[in-house]
Amino acid sequence: MRKREVKIELINESSKLPEYATENSFGADLFADISASHILLPGQRVLIPTGVKLALPDDCEGAVRPKSGLALKYGITVLNAPGTIDADYRGEVGVILINHSDEQYQINPGTKIAQICFSGMNGIFQAIWVKGKVNEDETERGAGGFGHTGNV
């Protein structure tokens, strides 16, 4: 699998780097960066922070996707799957989760909530994390996300 450097900032002391489960994993697990447990009721949707900011290379995008185990076992999925992280976005990566089951689901701090996959002009790749400060003023878009350009 190809690899490319991706700048990443951990926002809090509790924030975790996204993790690849295996050598050939395409998606890196994203974790809930919350201070207390959150109950997701049936039919409810919620934006869960991950505690990370990314500075992707200009020719790349990140795609936030559901975890298959959460979907199968608990009916929890990413509502706008795949959620696109554009190369010019510099805000915190958040995950919109929805509970499609008839049971409530408890999201705990550090829970795996989604995965992120990367692709660019030369195909898919795994990220090699380079820790550093992600400057929100470095692009015109900055931290503007989740409908900042309009409702549609």
Foldseek 3Di string as FASTA:
>chain_A
DAEDAKEKEQQDPLADDFADPDPPRQWTFAFFADPFKDKAAAFRKDKGFRRMWIQDPQFKKKWKWFDVCCCVVFVKTFPPGRDIHHNLAGATDITIIHGNDNGIDMGGGGDRGTIMGMAGPVGTHHYDYDYDDRDQPPHPCRNDDDQNVHDD
